[in-house]
All heavy atoms as atom14 arrays in JSON, in Angstrom:
{
  "sequence": "SKVPKDFVILRDRWYDSKKDYGLKLTNRTGTINIGDQEEIGKY",
  "atom14_mask": [
    [1, 1, 1, 1, 1, 1, 0, 0, 0, 0, 0, 0, 0, 0],
    [1, 1, 1, 1, 1, 1, 1, 1, 1, 0, 0, 0, 0, 0],
    [1, 1, 1, 1, 1, 1, 1, 0, 0, 0, 0, 0, 0, 0],
    [1, 1, 1, 1, 1, 1, 1, 0, 0, 0, 0, 0, 0, 0],
    [1, 1, 1, 1, 1, 1, 1, 1, 1, 0, 0, 0, 0, 0],
    [1, 1, 1, 1, 1, 1, 1, 1, 0, 0, 0, 0, 0, 0],
    [1, 1, 1, 1, 1, 1, 1, 1, 1, 1, 1, 0, 0, 0],
    [1, 1, 1, 1, 1, 1, 1, 0, 0, 0, 0, 0, 0, 0],
    [1, 1, 1, 1, 1, 1, 1, 1, 0, 0, 0, 0, 0, 0],
    [1, 1, 1, 1, 1, 1, 1, 1, 0, 0, 0, 0, 0, 0],
    [1, 1, 1, 1, 1, 1, 1, 1, 1, 1, 1, 0, 0, 0],
    [1, 1, 1, 1, 1, 1, 1, 1, 0, 0, 0, 0, 0, 0],
    [1, 1, 1, 1, 1, 1, 1, 1, 1, 1, 1, 0, 0, 0],
    [1, 1, 1, 1, 1, 1, 1, 1, 1, 1, 1, 1, 1, 1],
    [1, 1, 1, 1, 1, 1, 1, 1, 1, 1, 1, 1, 0, 0],
    [1, 1, 1, 1, 1, 1, 1, 1, 0, 0, 0, 0, 0, 0],
    [1, 1, 1, 1, 1, 1, 0, 0, 0, 0, 0, 0, 0, 0],
    [1, 1, 1, 1, 1, 1, 1, 1, 1, 0, 0, 0, 0, 0],
    [1, 1, 1, 1, 1, 1, 1, 1, 1, 0, 0, 0, 0, 0],
    [1, 1, 1, 1, 1, 1, 1, 1, 0, 0, 0, 0, 0, 0],
    [1, 1, 1, 1, 1, 1, 1, 1, 1, 1, 1, 1, 0, 0],
    [1, 1, 1, 1, 0, 0, 0, 0, 0, 0, 0, 0, 0, 0],
    [1, 1, 1, 1, 1, 1, 1, 1, 0, 0, 0, 0, 0, 0],
    [1, 1, 1, 1, 1, 1, 1, 1, 1, 0, 0, 0, 0, 0],
    [1, 1, 1, 1, 1, 1, 1, 1, 0, 0, 0, 0, 0, 0],
    [1, 1, 1, 1, 1, 1, 1, 0, 0, 0, 0, 0, 0, 0],
    [1, 1, 1, 1, 1, 1, 1, 1, 0, 0, 0, 0, 0, 0],
    [1, 1, 1, 1, 1, 1, 1, 1, 1, 1, 1, 0, 0, 0],
    [1, 1, 1, 1, 1, 1, 1, 0, 0, 0, 0, 0, 0, 0],
    [1, 1, 1, 1, 0, 0, 0, 0, 0, 0, 0, 0, 0, 0],
    [1, 1, 1, 1, 1, 1, 1, 0, 0, 0, 0, 0, 0, 0],
    [1, 1, 1, 1, 1, 1, 1, 1, 0, 0, 0, 0, 0, 0],
    [1, 1, 1, 1, 1, 1, 1, 1, 0, 0, 0, 0, 0, 0],
    [1, 1, 1, 1, 1, 1, 1, 1, 0, 0, 0, 0, 0, 0],
    [1, 1, 1, 1, 0, 0, 0, 0, 0, 0, 0, 0, 0, 0],
    [1, 1, 1, 1, 1, 1, 1, 1, 0, 0, 0, 0, 0, 0],
    [1, 1, 1, 1, 1, 1, 1, 1, 1, 0, 0, 0, 0, 0],
    [1, 1, 1, 1, 1, 1, 1, 1, 1, 0, 0, 0, 0, 0],
    [1, 1, 1, 1, 1, 1, 1, 1, 1, 0, 0, 0, 0, 0],
    [1, 1, 1, 1, 1, 1, 1, 1, 0, 0, 0, 0, 0, 0],
    [1, 1, 1, 1, 0, 0, 0, 0, 0, 0, 0, 0, 0, 0],
    [1, 1, 1, 1, 1, 1, 1, 1, 1, 0, 0, 0, 0, 0],
    [1, 1, 1, 1, 1, 1, 1, 1, 1, 1, 1, 1, 0, 0]
  ],
  "atom14_positions": [
    [[2.31, 19.21, 19.43], [3.6, 18.66, 19.84], [4.75, 19.64, 19.64], [5.83, 19.45, 20.21], [3.89, 17.37, 19.07], [4.13, 17.64, 17.7], [0.0, 0.0, 0.0], [0.0, 0.0, 0.0], [0.0, 0.0, 0.0], [0.0, 0.0, 0.0], [0.0, 0.0, 0.0], [0.0, 0.0, 0.0], [0.0, 0.0, 0.0], [0.0, 0.0, 0.0]],
    [[4.52, 20.65, 18.77], [5.52, 21.7, 18.5], [6.79, 21.15, 17.86], [7.9, 21.64, 18.09], [5.85, 22.48, 19.77], [4.66, 23.18, 20.4], [5.06, 24.08, 21.56], [3.86, 24.69, 22.25], [2.95, 25.42, 21.37], [0.0, 0.0, 0.0], [0.0, 0.0, 0.0], [0.0, 0.0, 0.0], [0.0, 0.0, 0.0], [0.0, 0.0, 0.0]],
    [[6.64, 20.1, 17.04], [7.77, 19.6, 16.28], [7.74, 20.25, 14.9], [6.69, 20.74, 14.46], [7.72, 18.06, 16.13], [7.76, 17.39, 17.5], [6.49, 17.62, 15.35], [0.0, 0.0, 0.0], [0.0, 0.0, 0.0], [0.0, 0.0, 0.0], [0.0, 0.0, 0.0], [0.0, 0.0, 0.0], [0.0, 0.0, 0.0], [0.0, 0.0, 0.0]],
    [[8.87, 20.29, 14.18], [8.85, 20.83, 12.81], [7.86, 20.07, 11.93], [7.75, 18.84, 12.04], [10.29, 20.61, 12.34], [11.1, 20.55, 13.59], [10.23, 19.91, 14.61], [0.0, 0.0, 0.0], [0.0, 0.0, 0.0], [0.0, 0.0, 0.0], [0.0, 0.0, 0.0], [0.0, 0.0, 0.0], [0.0, 0.0, 0.0], [0.0, 0.0, 0.0]],
    [[7.15, 20.78, 11.09], [6.12, 20.15, 10.26], [6.67, 19.08, 9.34], [5.98, 18.11, 9.03], [5.38, 21.23, 9.46], [4.47, 22.12, 10.32], [3.67, 23.07, 9.47], [2.73, 23.91, 10.36], [1.92, 24.86, 9.55], [0.0, 0.0, 0.0], [0.0, 0.0, 0.0], [0.0, 0.0, 0.0], [0.0, 0.0, 0.0], [0.0, 0.0, 0.0]],
    [[7.92, 19.27, 8.87], [8.47, 18.27, 7.96], [8.99, 17.03, 8.68], [9.49, 16.1, 8.05], [9.59, 18.88, 7.11], [10.76, 19.4, 7.93], [10.68, 19.38, 9.17], [11.76, 19.83, 7.31], [0.0, 0.0, 0.0], [0.0, 0.0, 0.0], [0.0, 0.0, 0.0], [0.0, 0.0, 0.0], [0.0, 0.0, 0.0], [0.0, 0.0, 0.0]],
    [[8.87, 17.0, 10.0], [9.26, 15.82, 10.77], [8.29, 14.67, 10.54], [8.67, 13.5, 10.57], [9.32, 16.17, 12.26], [9.52, 14.97, 13.17], [10.68, 14.22, 13.11], [8.54, 14.61, 14.09], [10.86, 13.13, 13.94], [8.71, 13.52, 14.92], [9.88, 12.78, 14.85], [0.0, 0.0, 0.0], [0.0, 0.0, 0.0], [0.0, 0.0, 0.0]],
    [[7.04, 14.98, 10.28], [5.99, 13.98, 10.11], [5.51, 13.94, 8.66], [5.3, 14.97, 8.03], [4.79, 14.26, 11.03], [3.74, 13.15, 10.89], [5.23, 14.39, 12.49], [0.0, 0.0, 0.0], [0.0, 0.0, 0.0], [0.0, 0.0, 0.0], [0.0, 0.0, 0.0], [0.0, 0.0, 0.0], [0.0, 0.0, 0.0], [0.0, 0.0, 0.0]],
    [[5.35, 12.73, 8.13], [4.74, 12.52, 6.82], [3.45, 11.74, 7.03], [3.45, 10.65, 7.6], [5.67, 11.73, 5.88], [6.93, 12.53, 5.57], [4.94, 11.41, 4.57], [7.92, 11.79, 4.68], [0.0, 0.0, 0.0], [0.0, 0.0, 0.0], [0.0, 0.0, 0.0], [0.0, 0.0, 0.0], [0.0, 0.0, 0.0], [0.0, 0.0, 0.0]],
    [[2.33, 12.32, 6.59], [1.04, 11.64, 6.67], [0.79, 10.9, 5.37], [0.82, 11.48, 4.29], [-0.08, 12.65, 6.92], [0.0, 13.47, 8.21], [-1.19, 14.4, 8.32], [0.08, 12.57, 9.43], [0.0, 0.0, 0.0], [0.0, 0.0, 0.0], [0.0, 0.0, 0.0], [0.0, 0.0, 0.0], [0.0, 0.0, 0.0], [0.0, 0.0, 0.0]],
    [[0.56, 9.59, 5.47], [0.34, 8.77, 4.29], [-1.13, 8.35, 4.24], [-1.6, 7.59, 5.08], [1.25, 7.54, 4.31], [2.73, 7.91, 4.47], [3.63, 6.78, 4.12], [3.54, 5.65, 5.0], [4.3, 4.55, 4.87], [5.21, 4.47, 3.92], [4.18, 3.57, 5.73], [0.0, 0.0, 0.0], [0.0, 0.0, 0.0], [0.0, 0.0, 0.0]],
    [[-1.87, 8.86, 3.26], [-3.29, 8.56, 3.16], [-3.52, 7.2, 2.51], [-3.32, 7.03, 1.3], [-4.05, 9.66, 2.4], [-3.24, 10.26, 1.27], [-2.07, 9.91, 1.12], [-3.77, 11.09, 0.53], [0.0, 0.0, 0.0], [0.0, 0.0, 0.0], [0.0, 0.0, 0.0], [0.0, 0.0, 0.0], [0.0, 0.0, 0.0], [0.0, 0.0, 0.0]],
    [[-3.93, 6.27, 3.3], [-4.09, 4.88, 2.86], [-5.44, 4.3, 3.27], [-5.55, 3.13, 3.57], [-2.96, 4.02, 3.42], [-1.62, 4.4, 2.81], [-0.5, 3.53, 3.27], [0.65, 3.69, 2.4], [1.8, 3.06, 2.53], [1.95, 2.21, 3.51], [2.79, 3.25, 1.68], [0.0, 0.0, 0.0], [0.0, 0.0, 0.0], [0.0, 0.0, 0.0]],
    [[-6.47, 5.15, 3.29], [-7.78, 4.66, 3.65], [-8.38, 3.81, 2.53], [-8.04, 3.97, 1.36], [-8.73, 5.82, 4.0], [-8.68, 6.97, 3.06], [-9.31, 7.11, 1.87], [-7.91, 8.17, 3.24], [-9.01, 8.29, 1.3], [-8.16, 8.98, 2.12], [-7.08, 8.63, 4.25], [-7.58, 10.23, 1.97], [-6.51, 9.88, 4.11], [-6.76, 10.67, 2.98]],
    [[-9.28, 2.96, 2.94], [-9.81, 1.95, 2.05], [-10.69, 2.51, 0.96], [-11.58, 3.31, 1.19], [-10.61, 0.91, 2.82], [-11.37, -0.04, 1.91], [-10.68, -0.97, 1.17], [-12.74, 0.04, 1.77], [-11.35, -1.83, 0.31], [-13.42, -0.82, 0.91], [-12.72, -1.75, 0.18], [-13.37, -2.58, -0.67], [0.0, 0.0, 0.0], [0.0, 0.0, 0.0]],
    [[-10.43, 2.08, -0.24], [-11.29, 2.28, -1.39], [-10.94, 1.16, -2.35], [-9.81, 1.06, -2.81], [-11.06, 3.65, -2.04], [-12.05, 3.93, -3.17], [-12.33, 3.01, -3.94], [-12.53, 5.07, -3.26], [0.0, 0.0, 0.0], [0.0, 0.0, 0.0], [0.0, 0.0, 0.0], [0.0, 0.0, 0.0], [0.0, 0.0, 0.0], [0.0, 0.0, 0.0]],
    [[-11.88, 0.33, -2.67], [-11.6, -0.84, -3.49], [-10.99, -0.49, -4.84], [-10.3, -1.29, -5.45], [-12.87, -1.66, -3.7], [-13.86, -0.88, -4.35], [0.0, 0.0, 0.0], [0.0, 0.0, 0.0], [0.0, 0.0, 0.0], [0.0, 0.0, 0.0], [0.0, 0.0, 0.0], [0.0, 0.0, 0.0], [0.0, 0.0, 0.0], [0.0, 0.0, 0.0]],
    [[-11.25, 0.72, -5.31], [-10.71, 1.15, -6.59], [-9.28, 1.68, -6.47], [-8.61, 1.91, -7.45], [-11.6, 2.21, -7.21], [-13.0, 1.72, -7.58], [-13.82, 2.85, -8.18], [-15.21, 2.37, -8.55], [-16.02, 3.47, -9.14], [0.0, 0.0, 0.0], [0.0, 0.0, 0.0], [0.0, 0.0, 0.0], [0.0, 0.0, 0.0], [0.0, 0.0, 0.0]],
    [[-8.86, 1.92, -5.25], [-7.54, 2.49, -5.03], [-6.6, 1.55, -4.3], [-5.54, 1.92, -3.87], [-7.64, 3.79, -4.22], [-8.39, 4.9, -4.88], [-8.42, 6.09, -3.96], [-9.31, 7.17, -4.47], [-9.46, 8.28, -3.49], [0.0, 0.0, 0.0], [0.0, 0.0, 0.0], [0.0, 0.0, 0.0], [0.0, 0.0, 0.0], [0.0, 0.0, 0.0]],
    [[-6.98, 0.33, -4.11], [-6.23, -0.68, -3.37], [-5.58, -0.15, -2.09], [-4.42, -0.39, -1.81], [-5.21, -1.4, -4.25], [-4.05, -0.55, -4.76], [-3.9, 0.58, -4.29], [-3.29, -1.04, -5.59], [0.0, 0.0, 0.0], [0.0, 0.0, 0.0], [0.0, 0.0, 0.0], [0.0, 0.0, 0.0], [0.0, 0.0, 0.0], [0.0, 0.0, 0.0]],
    [[-6.39, 0.58, -1.31], [-6.0, 1.07, 0.0], [-4.9, 2.14, -0.06], [-4.29, 2.47, 0.93], [-5.49, -0.07, 0.89], [-6.49, -1.17, 1.14], [-6.63, -2.21, 0.24], [-7.3, -1.16, 2.26], [-7.54, -3.23, 0.46], [-8.22, -2.17, 2.49], [-8.34, -3.2, 1.58], [-9.25, -4.19, 1.79], [0.0, 0.0, 0.0], [0.0, 0.0, 0.0]],
    [[-4.71, 2.71, -1.22], [-3.63, 3.68, -1.35], [-2.26, 3.04, -1.38], [-1.24, 3.71, -1.31], [0.0, 0.0, 0.0], [0.0, 0.0, 0.0], [0.0, 0.0, 0.0], [0.0, 0.0, 0.0], [0.0, 0.0, 0.0], [0.0, 0.0, 0.0], [0.0, 0.0, 0.0], [0.0, 0.0, 0.0], [0.0, 0.0, 0.0], [0.0, 0.0, 0.0]],
    [[-2.24, 1.73, -1.44], [-0.99, 0.99, -1.44], [-0.79, 0.29, -2.76], [-1.75, 0.02, -3.48], [-0.99, -0.08, -0.34], [-1.17, 0.36, 1.09], [-1.52, -0.85, 1.94], [0.1, 0.99, 1.59], [0.0, 0.0, 0.0], [0.0, 0.0, 0.0], [0.0, 0.0, 0.0], [0.0, 0.0, 0.0], [0.0, 0.0, 0.0], [0.0, 0.0, 0.0]],
    [[0.45, 0.0, -3.08], [0.71, -0.94, -4.16], [0.76, -2.3, -3.49], [1.75, -2.69, -2.87], [2.03, -0.63, -4.87], [2.44, -1.71, -5.89], [1.42, -1.8, -6.99], [1.82, -2.85, -8.02], [1.58, -4.19, -7.55], [0.0, 0.0, 0.0], [0.0, 0.0, 0.0], [0.0, 0.0, 0.0], [0.0, 0.0, 0.0], [0.0, 0.0, 0.0]],
    [[-0.34, -3.02, -3.58], [-0.46, -4.28, -2.86], [0.35, -5.38, -3.55], [0.26, -5.57, -4.75], [-1.92, -4.71, -2.76], [-2.83, -3.81, -1.94], [-4.26, -4.28, -2.05], [-2.38, -3.77, -0.49], [0.0, 0.0, 0.0], [0.0, 0.0, 0.0], [0.0, 0.0, 0.0], [0.0, 0.0, 0.0], [0.0, 0.0, 0.0], [0.0, 0.0, 0.0]],
    [[1.1, -6.11, -2.77], [1.76, -7.31, -3.25], [1.15, -8.5, -2.51], [0.41, -8.33, -1.55], [3.28, -7.28, -2.99], [3.53, -7.43, -1.59], [3.88, -5.96, -3.47], [0.0, 0.0, 0.0], [0.0, 0.0, 0.0], [0.0, 0.0, 0.0], [0.0, 0.0, 0.0], [0.0, 0.0, 0.0], [0.0, 0.0, 0.0], [0.0, 0.0, 0.0]],
    [[1.49, -9.68, -2.95], [0.95, -10.87, -2.31], [1.78, -11.34, -1.12], [1.54, -12.41, -0.58], [0.79, -12.01, -3.32], [2.12, -12.46, -3.9], [3.2, -12.09, -3.44], [2.04, -13.27, -4.95], [0.0, 0.0, 0.0], [0.0, 0.0, 0.0], [0.0, 0.0, 0.0], [0.0, 0.0, 0.0], [0.0, 0.0, 0.0], [0.0, 0.0, 0.0]],
    [[2.76, -10.51, -0.7], [3.61, -10.83, 0.46], [4.19, -12.23, 0.31], [4.01, -13.09, 1.17], [2.82, -10.72, 1.77], [2.08, -9.41, 1.97], [3.03, -8.27, 2.22], [2.28, -7.06, 2.61], [2.83, -5.92, 2.96], [4.13, -5.82, 2.94], [2.09, -4.89, 3.3], [0.0, 0.0, 0.0], [0.0, 0.0, 0.0], [0.0, 0.0, 0.0]],
    [[4.87, -12.46, -0.79], [5.48, -13.75, -1.16], [4.47, -14.89, -1.12], [4.75, -15.99, -0.65], [6.69, -14.1, -0.29], [6.28, -14.24, 1.07], [7.76, -13.04, -0.37], [0.0, 0.0, 0.0], [0.0, 0.0, 0.0], [0.0, 0.0, 0.0], [0.0, 0.0, 0.0], [0.0, 0.0, 0.0], [0.0, 0.0, 0.0], [0.0, 0.0, 0.0]],
    [[3.27, -14.61, -1.65], [2.24, -15.64, -1.72], [1.43, -15.83, -0.46], [0.6, -16.73, -0.38], [0.0, 0.0, 0.0], [0.0, 0.0, 0.0], [0.0, 0.0, 0.0], [0.0, 0.0, 0.0], [0.0, 0.0, 0.0], [0.0, 0.0, 0.0], [0.0, 0.0, 0.0], [0.0, 0.0, 0.0], [0.0, 0.0, 0.0], [0.0, 0.0, 0.0]],
    [[1.64, -14.98, 0.54], [0.95, -15.12, 1.82], [-0.52, -14.7, 1.73], [-1.38, -15.3, 2.36], [1.65, -14.28, 2.91], [3.02, -14.68, 2.99], [0.99, -14.5, 4.27], [0.0, 0.0, 0.0], [0.0, 0.0, 0.0], [0.0, 0.0, 0.0], [0.0, 0.0, 0.0], [0.0, 0.0, 0.0], [0.0, 0.0, 0.0], [0.0, 0.0, 0.0]],
    [[-0.79, -13.63, 0.98], [-2.16, -13.14, 0.85], [-2.48, -12.92, -0.62], [-1.6, -12.83, -1.46], [-2.38, -11.83, 1.63], [-1.44, -10.74, 1.14], [-2.24, -12.04, 3.11], [-1.73, -9.39, 1.74], [0.0, 0.0, 0.0], [0.0, 0.0, 0.0], [0.0, 0.0, 0.0], [0.0, 0.0, 0.0], [0.0, 0.0, 0.0], [0.0, 0.0, 0.0]],
    [[-3.74, -12.8, -0.92], [-4.21, -12.54, -2.28], [-5.38, -11.58, -2.2], [-6.49, -11.97, -1.86], [-4.61, -13.83, -2.98], [-5.02, -13.59, -4.43], [-4.66, -12.58, -5.02], [-5.77, -14.52, -4.98], [0.0, 0.0, 0.0], [0.0, 0.0, 0.0], [0.0, 0.0, 0.0], [0.0, 0.0, 0.0], [0.0, 0.0, 0.0], [0.0, 0.0, 0.0]],
    [[-5.14, -10.33, -2.5], [-6.17, -9.32, -2.41], [-5.9, -8.22, -3.43], [-4.77, -7.89, -3.74], [-6.26, -8.71, -1.0], [-7.48, -7.79, -0.89], [-4.97, -8.0, -0.63], [-7.76, -7.34, 0.53], [0.0, 0.0, 0.0], [0.0, 0.0, 0.0], [0.0, 0.0, 0.0], [0.0, 0.0, 0.0], [0.0, 0.0, 0.0], [0.0, 0.0, 0.0]],
    [[-6.97, -7.64, -3.94], [-6.82, -6.54, -4.87], [-6.44, -7.0, -6.27], [-6.35, -8.18, -6.57], [0.0, 0.0, 0.0], [0.0, 0.0, 0.0], [0.0, 0.0, 0.0], [0.0, 0.0, 0.0], [0.0, 0.0, 0.0], [0.0, 0.0, 0.0], [0.0, 0.0, 0.0], [0.0, 0.0, 0.0], [0.0, 0.0, 0.0], [0.0, 0.0, 0.0]],
    [[-6.22, -6.05, -7.14], [-5.84, -6.31, -8.52], [-4.33, -6.46, -8.58], [-3.6, -5.51, -8.76], [-6.32, -5.17, -9.42], [-6.06, -5.44, -10.89], [-5.82, -6.61, -11.24], [-6.08, -4.47, -11.68], [0.0, 0.0, 0.0], [0.0, 0.0, 0.0], [0.0, 0.0, 0.0], [0.0, 0.0, 0.0], [0.0, 0.0, 0.0], [0.0, 0.0, 0.0]],
    [[-3.86, -7.68, -8.45], [-2.43, -7.93, -8.34], [-1.81, -8.36, -9.65], [-2.46, -8.95, -10.5], [-2.16, -8.99, -7.27], [-2.6, -8.56, -5.88], [-2.24, -9.59, -4.83], [-2.11, -10.77, -5.1], [-2.04, -9.14, -3.62], [0.0, 0.0, 0.0], [0.0, 0.0, 0.0], [0.0, 0.0, 0.0], [0.0, 0.0, 0.0], [0.0, 0.0, 0.0]],
    [[-0.55, -8.04, -9.8], [0.2, -8.46, -10.97], [0.47, -9.96, -10.93], [0.54, -10.57, -9.87], [1.53, -7.71, -11.03], [1.41, -6.22, -11.17], [2.76, -5.53, -11.11], [3.78, -6.24, -11.08], [2.8, -4.3, -11.09], [0.0, 0.0, 0.0], [0.0, 0.0, 0.0], [0.0, 0.0, 0.0], [0.0, 0.0, 0.0], [0.0, 0.0, 0.0]],
    [[0.63, -10.54, -12.1], [0.98, -11.94, -12.18], [2.42, -12.14, -11.72], [3.26, -11.26, -11.82], [0.83, -12.45, -13.62], [-0.61, -12.47, -14.12], [-0.71, -13.06, -15.51], [0.33, -13.5, -16.05], [-1.82, -13.07, -16.06], [0.0, 0.0, 0.0], [0.0, 0.0, 0.0], [0.0, 0.0, 0.0], [0.0, 0.0, 0.0], [0.0, 0.0, 0.0]],
    [[2.66, -13.32, -11.19], [4.01, -13.66, -10.75], [4.88, -13.91, -11.97], [4.55, -14.7, -12.83], [3.98, -14.9, -9.85], [3.15, -14.63, -8.6], [5.39, -15.34, -9.47], [2.81, -15.86, -7.83], [0.0, 0.0, 0.0], [0.0, 0.0, 0.0], [0.0, 0.0, 0.0], [0.0, 0.0, 0.0], [0.0, 0.0, 0.0], [0.0, 0.0, 0.0]],
    [[5.97, -13.21, -12.03], [6.89, -13.37, -13.15], [8.12, -14.15, -12.74], [8.87, -13.74, -11.85], [0.0, 0.0, 0.0], [0.0, 0.0, 0.0], [0.0, 0.0, 0.0], [0.0, 0.0, 0.0], [0.0, 0.0, 0.0], [0.0, 0.0, 0.0], [0.0, 0.0, 0.0], [0.0, 0.0, 0.0], [0.0, 0.0, 0.0], [0.0, 0.0, 0.0]],
    [[8.33, -15.31, -13.37], [9.43, -16.18, -12.99], [10.78, -15.53, -13.24], [11.77, -15.83, -12.56], [9.35, -17.5, -13.77], [10.36, -18.54, -13.32], [10.17, -19.85, -14.07], [11.21, -20.89, -13.62], [11.05, -22.18, -14.34], [0.0, 0.0, 0.0], [0.0, 0.0, 0.0], [0.0, 0.0, 0.0], [0.0, 0.0, 0.0], [0.0, 0.0, 0.0]],
    [[10.85, -14.61, -14.19], [12.12, -14.0, -14.55], [12.14, -12.5, -14.28], [12.74, -11.73, -15.02], [12.45, -14.3, -16.01], [12.53, -15.77, -16.31], [11.51, -16.42, -16.98], [13.63, -16.52, -15.9], [11.57, -17.78, -17.23], [13.71, -17.88, -16.14], [12.67, -18.5, -16.81], [12.74, -19.86, -17.04], [0.0, 0.0, 0.0], [0.0, 0.0, 0.0]]
  ]
}
């Protein structure tokens, strides 16, 4: 494409159950429940 190299950021997020997809998974306000998630803190 001949664009500057710093124009693009590649984010490695391939699946590995031990790495939670390379993401910090949240429950999307209770919509989903997957991975090792933190407990909901009322405060």
